[in-house]
Amino acid sequence: MTHRSVHRAADATAGGRLLSSFPHRPAFADSTAHERTLLTGARVERNAVIADHAFELFSEHAFLSLPDFAGAFATTVKIEGLNAAGSIKLKTARGLVEALERSGRLGPGSALIESTSGNLGIALASVCAAKGYPLTLVTDPNANDAGVRAMRALGAEVVVVTERDANGGYLQTRIECVRRMLAADPALVWTDQYAHPANPATHRHTTAVEIITGFGLPDWLFVGTGTAGTLMGCVQAFQALGAPTRIVAVDTVGSVTFHSAPAVRHIPGLGSSRPSQLLRDDGSFTKVVIPETDTVRTCRRVARRYGLLVGGSTGTVLSAVARLAPAIAAGSRVLALSPDFGDRYLDTIYNDDWVTDRYGPEVLDDAPAADRPLPALRKDELINHA
């Protein structure tokens, strides 16, 4: 269930009519019969659609199998980076902006502001550019340079905070900056990805529906947890169906989302230095936290084994699949959400010097997470591991 305003391409025979008007048509001596049929104007049914806005371009049902990734079960990833913003956050950004428009809080003369570590900022910049809203994004040093350049290229003003908050992250510092700017400029409207109900609602009506209609009901569903919007949207949808799917919420070591000990983190995307306002922990999902070292190893392993350059959030989610593999029955259908691709992480996760400086040279070994012992995690950092 998506909200696109797209229309069908022109009549399929138009290209053939145009080609036939040329005075010297090629003989197609080296073309296949199929190519000749296409180029000489025979009617061909097309499924192409033309979008009115860049933020409407995305693939709902892109799934990739990862054979022999972990355990005696099939691992599939739902690819969410095939859109104009390059990540699942395009859905969130559009949902937030259009909810504000419907409420009347956002309209002509308004400008938007948001705190972001990367992907949502790029997505909001894309949506705001298409809709004509000025946008200010407050980010931090953990945001990768490529992401910040993309935000600016799309027309956003970018403010970078440098002071860590009490939990060792930057989130609270970013939010305090947003609040100061809101107080100083009454034209600014905060999309507030951390608390706005449109965040989970968007994923309940898009991501969850795409899973069910494109993949069916998985036995296990692994979802990365940052704001918890994607997680809660999926939980709500699967609960409404009474589905037996086991949902795993994946976070990163150093994040406080699941009340783990705060620590410095280097990879943007998942995790938070303050508890999520959207998370409703009613025991309906398993929680697991993953060290950043596993994230790095898994990203590199997937790139070299499967030819897919994944982002940090995807590496974390897939690391959780490997970690929980002993608990997953043979023959299970396992689906992991892949929020983004790895092109924005070439200077970090895929850079040997960056990895060595932060984690040590041993992390350059991309052995599967399941092949190494679990790190010493507190009891509340691996919950409901059955």
Protein backbone atom coordinates (compact mmCIF):
# COMPACT_ATOMS: atom_id res chain seq x y z
CA MET A 1 0.00 0.00 0.00
CA THR A 2 1.87 3.05 -1.21
CA HIS A 3 0.83 6.59 -1.94
CA ARG A 4 2.25 7.34 -5.36
CA SER A 5 0.96 9.77 -7.94
CA VAL A 6 2.25 8.04 -11.04
CA HIS A 7 0.90 7.49 -14.50
CA ARG A 8 1.45 5.04 -17.32
CA ALA A 9 3.97 5.69 -20.05
CA ALA A 10 2.74 6.61 -23.53
CA ASP A 11 1.28 3.98 -25.86
CA ALA A 12 3.77 1.20 -26.43
CA THR A 13 3.59 1.56 -30.19
CA ALA A 14 4.69 5.19 -30.13
CA GLY A 15 8.37 4.32 -30.27
CA GLY A 16 7.78 2.15 -33.30
CA ARG A 17 5.84 4.90 -35.06
CA LEU A 18 8.65 7.35 -34.36
CA LEU A 19 11.28 4.94 -35.66
CA SER A 20 9.29 4.21 -38.83
CA SER A 21 9.33 7.92 -39.70
CA PHE A 22 13.10 7.88 -40.14
CA PRO A 23 14.05 7.76 -43.86
CA HIS A 24 16.86 5.24 -43.39
CA ARG A 25 15.85 2.54 -40.96
CA PRO A 26 18.59 0.06 -39.99
CA ALA A 27 18.31 -3.48 -41.28
CA PHE A 28 18.76 -4.98 -37.77
CA ALA A 29 20.96 -7.65 -39.31
CA ASP A 30 22.69 -8.26 -36.01
CA SER A 31 19.61 -7.92 -33.79
CA THR A 32 17.73 -10.75 -32.19
CA ALA A 33 14.17 -11.47 -33.27
CA HIS A 34 12.94 -10.05 -29.97
CA GLU A 35 14.86 -6.80 -30.49
CA ARG A 36 13.53 -6.49 -34.04
CA THR A 37 9.99 -6.94 -32.75
CA LEU A 38 10.49 -4.20 -30.16
CA LEU A 39 12.09 -1.73 -32.54
CA THR A 40 9.73 -2.15 -35.50
CA GLY A 41 6.69 -1.08 -33.53
CA ALA A 42 4.88 -4.29 -32.62
CA ARG A 43 2.67 -3.62 -29.62
CA VAL A 44 4.45 -4.44 -26.38
CA GLU A 45 2.81 -4.33 -22.97
CA ARG A 46 4.79 -2.15 -20.58
CA ASN A 47 4.65 -1.92 -16.82
CA ALA A 48 6.60 1.32 -16.56
CA VAL A 49 5.15 4.20 -14.60
CA ILE A 50 6.22 7.82 -14.61
CA ALA A 51 6.36 9.51 -11.21
CA ASP A 52 5.54 13.16 -10.66
CA HIS A 53 8.11 13.52 -7.86
CA ALA A 54 11.48 11.91 -7.15
CA PHE A 55 10.31 10.76 -3.71
CA GLU A 56 7.70 8.53 -5.39
CA LEU A 57 10.36 6.38 -7.04
CA PHE A 58 11.07 3.25 -5.05
CA SER A 59 10.84 -0.52 -5.31
CA GLU A 60 8.24 -2.14 -3.08
CA HIS A 61 9.16 -5.77 -3.65
CA ALA A 62 12.94 -6.06 -3.97
CA PHE A 63 14.13 -9.16 -2.11
CA LEU A 64 17.53 -10.84 -2.29
CA SER A 65 18.35 -14.35 -1.14
CA LEU A 66 21.65 -14.85 0.70
CA PRO A 67 22.41 -18.57 0.30
CA ASP A 68 24.35 -20.19 3.15
CA PHE A 69 24.52 -16.95 5.10
CA ALA A 70 23.84 -18.55 8.48
CA GLY A 71 22.29 -21.72 9.86
CA ALA A 72 20.19 -24.31 8.05
CA PHE A 73 17.57 -21.85 6.92
CA ALA A 74 16.98 -19.43 4.06
CA THR A 75 18.01 -15.83 4.73
CA THR A 76 16.42 -13.15 2.55
CA VAL A 77 16.91 -9.40 2.73
CA LYS A 78 14.31 -6.82 1.77
CA ILE A 79 16.24 -4.16 -0.12
CA GLU A 80 15.04 -0.70 0.91
CA GLY A 81 17.70 1.43 -0.76
CA LEU A 82 16.24 1.41 -4.27
CA ASN A 83 14.77 4.89 -4.18
CA ALA A 84 15.75 8.48 -4.83
CA ALA A 85 17.10 8.95 -1.29
CA GLY A 86 18.86 5.60 -1.10
CA SER A 87 17.30 4.32 2.12
CA ILE A 88 14.14 3.20 3.92
CA LYS A 89 14.02 6.65 5.50
CA LEU A 90 12.41 8.05 2.34
CA LYS A 91 9.15 6.45 3.49
CA THR A 92 9.54 8.01 6.93
CA ALA A 93 10.37 11.43 5.53
CA ARG A 94 7.39 11.50 3.21
CA GLY A 95 5.07 10.21 5.92
CA LEU A 96 6.20 12.89 8.39
CA VAL A 97 5.96 15.78 5.92
CA GLU A 98 2.57 14.79 4.55
CA ALA A 99 1.16 14.22 8.05
CA LEU A 100 2.17 17.78 8.93
CA GLU A 101 0.57 19.04 5.71
CA ARG A 102 -2.69 17.24 6.49
CA SER A 103 -2.73 18.65 10.02
CA GLY A 104 -2.38 22.20 8.72
CA ARG A 105 0.88 22.79 10.60
CA LEU A 106 2.88 22.86 7.38
CA GLY A 107 2.04 25.03 4.41
CA PRO A 108 3.16 28.01 2.33
CA GLY A 109 5.79 30.03 4.17
CA SER A 110 6.75 27.17 6.47
CA ALA A 111 10.22 25.74 6.84
CA LEU A 112 11.21 22.39 8.33
CA ILE A 113 13.89 21.36 10.80
CA GLU A 114 15.06 17.93 11.96
CA SER A 115 17.82 16.21 13.89
CA THR A 116 19.50 13.41 11.93
CA SER A 117 22.58 11.21 11.83
CA GLY A 118 22.33 10.71 8.08
CA ASN A 119 19.70 8.86 6.10
CA LEU A 120 16.58 10.68 7.29
CA GLY A 121 18.28 13.97 6.55
CA ILE A 122 18.97 12.97 2.96
CA ALA A 123 15.41 11.70 2.58
CA LEU A 124 13.88 14.86 4.04
CA ALA A 125 16.10 16.98 1.80
CA SER A 126 14.79 15.08 -1.23
CA VAL A 127 11.15 15.47 -0.19
CA CYS A 128 11.53 19.13 0.76
CA ALA A 129 13.32 19.98 -2.48
CA ALA A 130 10.46 18.48 -4.48
CA LYS A 131 7.78 20.16 -2.37
CA GLY A 132 9.53 23.53 -2.08
CA TYR A 133 10.09 23.68 1.69
CA PRO A 134 13.29 25.17 3.13
CA LEU A 135 14.98 22.62 5.40
CA THR A 136 17.51 22.82 8.21
CA LEU A 137 19.21 19.61 9.34
CA VAL A 138 21.10 19.29 12.62
CA THR A 139 23.68 16.53 12.50
CA ASP A 140 26.95 15.52 14.20
CA PRO A 141 30.50 14.27 13.50
CA ASN A 142 29.34 10.64 13.22
CA ALA A 143 27.38 11.49 10.08
CA ASN A 144 29.47 10.41 7.12
CA ASP A 145 30.80 13.07 4.79
CA ALA A 146 29.03 11.67 1.74
CA GLY A 147 25.68 11.92 3.51
CA VAL A 148 26.25 15.51 4.60
CA ARG A 149 27.31 16.45 1.07
CA ALA A 150 24.13 14.87 -0.27
CA MET A 151 21.98 16.87 2.17
CA ARG A 152 23.60 20.10 1.05
CA ALA A 153 23.42 19.16 -2.63
CA LEU A 154 19.66 18.70 -2.20
CA GLY A 155 19.37 22.23 -0.83
CA ALA A 156 19.30 21.70 2.93
CA GLU A 157 21.11 23.92 5.40
CA VAL A 158 23.26 21.66 7.61
CA VAL A 159 24.24 22.50 11.19
CA VAL A 160 26.84 20.22 12.83
CA VAL A 161 26.96 19.96 16.63
CA THR A 162 30.22 18.77 18.18
CA GLU A 163 29.51 18.39 21.91
CA ARG A 164 28.60 14.92 23.16
CA ASP A 165 25.61 14.47 25.44
CA ALA A 166 25.61 12.87 28.90
CA ASN A 167 25.35 9.36 27.39
CA GLY A 168 28.35 9.79 25.13
CA GLY A 169 26.35 10.37 21.94
CA TYR A 170 25.14 13.45 20.13
CA LEU A 171 21.38 12.95 19.96
CA GLN A 172 20.40 15.04 22.98
CA THR A 173 22.79 17.78 21.88
CA ARG A 174 21.20 17.79 18.42
CA ILE A 175 17.69 17.96 19.87
CA GLU A 176 18.62 20.84 22.18
CA CYS A 177 19.97 22.67 19.13
CA VAL A 178 16.69 22.05 17.28
CA ARG A 179 14.70 23.43 20.22
CA ARG A 180 16.82 26.58 20.38
CA MET A 181 16.31 27.19 16.67
CA LEU A 182 12.55 26.58 16.98
CA ALA A 183 12.36 29.15 19.77
CA ALA A 184 14.24 31.68 17.65
CA ASP A 185 12.21 31.21 14.44
CA PRO A 186 8.41 30.72 14.60
CA ALA A 187 8.31 29.74 10.90
CA LEU A 188 10.22 26.53 11.64
CA VAL A 189 8.29 23.26 12.00
CA TRP A 190 9.92 20.18 13.54
CA THR A 191 9.14 16.88 11.83
CA ASP A 192 10.25 15.10 15.06
CA GLN A 193 10.98 11.60 13.82
CA TYR A 194 11.50 10.52 17.44
CA ALA A 195 7.92 11.02 18.61
CA HIS A 196 5.57 11.68 15.70
CA PRO A 197 3.01 8.85 15.29
CA ALA A 198 3.31 9.17 11.51
CA ASN A 199 6.68 7.44 11.76
CA PRO A 200 5.39 3.97 12.80
CA ALA A 201 2.11 4.49 10.94
CA THR A 202 3.98 4.96 7.68
CA HIS A 203 5.79 1.64 8.06
CA ARG A 204 2.66 -0.17 9.18
CA HIS A 205 1.00 0.84 5.91
CA THR A 206 4.01 0.50 3.61
CA THR A 207 6.91 -1.68 4.78
CA ALA A 208 4.79 -4.27 6.59
CA VAL A 209 2.31 -4.52 3.73
CA GLU A 210 5.13 -4.88 1.20
CA ILE A 211 6.57 -7.75 3.23
CA ILE A 212 3.25 -9.57 3.41
CA THR A 213 2.30 -9.05 -0.24
CA GLY A 214 5.78 -9.59 -1.69
CA PHE A 215 7.32 -12.22 0.58
CA GLY A 216 4.49 -13.63 2.63
CA LEU A 217 4.67 -14.17 6.37
CA PRO A 218 8.25 -14.88 7.46
CA ASP A 219 8.96 -17.15 10.39
CA TRP A 220 11.49 -14.60 11.65
CA LEU A 221 11.69 -10.88 10.83
CA PHE A 222 14.81 -8.89 11.81
CA VAL A 223 14.35 -5.11 12.04
CA GLY A 224 16.93 -2.48 12.99
CA THR A 225 15.93 -0.12 15.80
CA GLY A 226 16.80 3.56 15.89
CA THR A 227 13.74 5.72 16.46
CA ALA A 228 11.79 2.39 16.50
CA GLY A 229 9.39 3.67 13.84
CA THR A 230 9.99 0.82 11.39
CA LEU A 231 9.98 -1.74 14.20
CA MET A 232 6.72 -0.58 15.77
CA GLY A 233 4.99 -0.23 12.40
CA CYS A 234 5.85 -3.85 11.59
CA VAL A 235 4.92 -5.07 15.09
CA GLN A 236 1.53 -3.37 14.88
CA ALA A 237 0.78 -4.79 11.43
CA PHE A 238 1.79 -8.35 12.29
CA GLN A 239 -0.09 -8.23 15.60
CA ALA A 240 -3.23 -7.04 13.79
CA LEU A 241 -2.97 -10.09 11.54
CA GLY A 242 -2.35 -12.44 14.43
CA ALA A 243 0.74 -13.59 12.55
CA PRO A 244 3.06 -16.10 14.26
CA THR A 245 6.16 -14.30 12.93
CA ARG A 246 8.93 -13.88 15.50
CA ILE A 247 10.12 -10.27 15.28
CA VAL A 248 13.66 -9.41 16.37
CA ALA A 249 14.50 -5.80 17.23
CA VAL A 250 18.18 -5.16 16.55
CA ASP A 251 20.20 -2.44 18.25
CA THR A 252 23.89 -1.66 18.59
CA VAL A 253 26.13 -1.88 21.65
CA GLY A 254 26.44 1.55 23.26
CA SER A 255 22.85 2.53 22.48
CA VAL A 256 20.41 3.01 25.37
CA THR A 257 17.27 2.08 23.41
CA PHE A 258 16.94 -1.23 25.26
CA HIS A 259 18.34 0.24 28.51
CA SER A 260 21.85 -1.04 27.87
CA ALA A 261 24.92 0.81 29.12
CA PRO A 262 25.70 3.94 27.07
CA ALA A 263 29.00 4.05 25.21
CA VAL A 264 30.66 5.87 22.33
CA ARG A 265 29.46 4.69 18.91
CA HIS A 266 31.07 5.43 15.54
CA ILE A 267 28.58 4.14 12.98
CA PRO A 268 25.44 6.22 12.30
CA GLY A 269 22.03 4.69 11.74
CA LEU A 270 20.81 2.39 14.47
CA GLY A 271 20.92 3.11 18.16
CA SER A 272 20.26 6.13 20.30
CA SER A 273 21.74 7.97 23.27
CA ARG A 274 18.27 8.43 24.77
CA PRO A 275 15.28 6.07 25.11
CA SER A 276 12.86 5.92 22.18
CA GLN A 277 9.52 7.68 22.61
CA LEU A 278 7.94 5.40 20.00
CA LEU A 279 9.05 2.05 21.43
CA ARG A 280 6.29 0.04 23.12
CA ASP A 281 8.06 -2.88 24.75
CA ASP A 282 5.19 -5.25 25.50
CA GLY A 283 7.19 -8.45 25.11
CA SER A 284 6.01 -9.01 21.55
CA PHE A 285 9.51 -8.99 20.08
CA THR A 286 12.97 -10.32 20.84
CA LYS A 287 15.72 -7.78 21.49
CA VAL A 288 19.37 -8.19 20.60
CA VAL A 289 22.30 -5.77 20.56
CA ILE A 290 25.27 -6.16 18.26
CA PRO A 291 28.84 -4.83 18.66
CA GLU A 292 30.02 -2.45 15.95
CA THR A 293 32.88 -4.83 15.24
CA ASP A 294 30.34 -7.41 14.06
CA THR A 295 28.65 -4.76 11.93
CA VAL A 296 31.92 -3.99 10.13
CA ARG A 297 32.79 -7.64 9.59
CA THR A 298 29.34 -8.51 8.27
CA CYS A 299 29.22 -5.56 5.85
CA ARG A 300 32.56 -6.63 4.38
CA ARG A 301 31.60 -10.28 4.26
CA VAL A 302 28.33 -9.56 2.42
CA ALA A 303 30.13 -7.34 -0.09
CA ARG A 304 32.75 -9.98 -0.92
CA ARG A 305 30.50 -13.03 -0.76
CA TYR A 306 27.30 -11.73 -2.35
CA GLY A 307 28.36 -8.67 -4.34
CA LEU A 308 26.09 -6.38 -2.32
CA LEU A 309 27.56 -3.26 -0.74
CA VAL A 310 25.40 -2.76 2.35
CA GLY A 311 25.24 0.06 4.86
CA GLY A 312 25.98 -0.10 8.56
CA SER A 313 22.39 -0.69 9.64
CA THR A 314 22.10 -3.64 7.27
CA GLY A 315 25.35 -5.09 8.57
CA THR A 316 24.03 -4.85 12.13
CA VAL A 317 20.73 -6.51 11.27
CA LEU A 318 22.43 -9.35 9.40
CA SER A 319 24.86 -9.81 12.28
CA ALA A 320 21.84 -10.44 14.49
CA VAL A 321 20.68 -13.16 12.09
CA ALA A 322 24.07 -14.84 12.45
CA ARG A 323 24.07 -14.44 16.23
CA LEU A 324 20.62 -15.98 16.65
CA ALA A 325 21.13 -18.70 14.04
CA PRO A 326 21.37 -21.48 16.68
CA ALA A 327 17.87 -20.56 17.88
CA ILE A 328 16.29 -20.68 14.42
CA ALA A 329 14.85 -23.99 13.25
CA ALA A 330 16.11 -25.57 10.05
CA GLY A 331 13.96 -24.67 7.08
CA SER A 332 12.68 -21.42 8.61
CA ARG A 333 11.97 -18.44 6.37
CA VAL A 334 14.06 -15.58 7.72
CA LEU A 335 13.68 -12.02 6.44
CA ALA A 336 15.98 -9.12 7.35
CA LEU A 337 15.24 -5.51 6.48
CA SER A 338 18.15 -3.83 4.67
CA PRO A 339 17.70 -0.08 5.21
CA ASP A 340 20.42 1.24 2.91
CA PHE A 341 23.41 0.55 0.69
CA GLY A 342 27.09 0.94 1.50
CA ASP A 343 28.20 3.69 -0.88
CA ARG A 344 27.98 6.26 1.93
CA TYR A 345 30.24 4.09 4.10
CA LEU A 346 33.18 3.72 1.71
CA ASP A 347 35.27 6.11 3.80
CA THR A 348 34.37 4.37 7.06
CA ILE A 349 33.23 0.74 7.26
CA TYR A 350 34.97 -0.18 3.99
CA ASN A 351 38.13 1.83 4.72
CA ASP A 352 40.87 -0.31 6.31
CA ASP A 353 42.57 2.63 8.02
CA TRP A 354 39.30 3.91 9.55
CA VAL A 355 38.42 0.44 10.83
CA THR A 356 41.90 -0.22 12.23
CA ASP A 357 42.03 3.15 14.01
CA ARG A 358 38.72 2.54 15.79
CA TYR A 359 38.52 -1.21 16.34
CA GLY A 360 41.97 -2.68 15.69
CA PRO A 361 43.38 -4.67 12.75
CA GLU A 362 41.72 -7.92 13.83
CA VAL A 363 38.33 -6.53 12.73
CA LEU A 364 39.53 -6.59 9.12
CA ASP A 365 38.91 -10.34 9.35
CA ASP A 366 35.37 -10.70 8.01
CA ALA A 367 34.68 -14.14 9.49
CA PRO A 368 30.95 -14.69 10.14
CA ALA A 369 29.70 -13.51 13.51
CA ALA A 370 28.41 -16.99 14.28
CA ASP A 371 31.98 -18.32 14.07
CA ARG A 372 33.12 -16.21 17.02
CA PRO A 373 32.01 -16.27 20.67
CA LEU A 374 29.50 -13.71 21.87
CA PRO A 375 31.03 -10.67 23.55
CA ALA A 376 30.41 -10.21 27.25
CA LEU A 377 26.93 -8.71 27.16
CA ARG A 378 24.85 -7.81 30.16
CA LYS A 379 21.75 -9.91 30.75
CA ASP A 380 19.43 -7.19 29.50
CA GLU A 381 21.37 -6.83 26.26
CA LEU A 382 20.22 -10.16 24.86
CA ILE A 383 16.62 -10.75 25.79
CA ASN A 384 14.17 -13.52 24.95
CA HIS A 385 16.93 -15.41 23.15
CA ALA A 386 15.09 -18.71 22.79
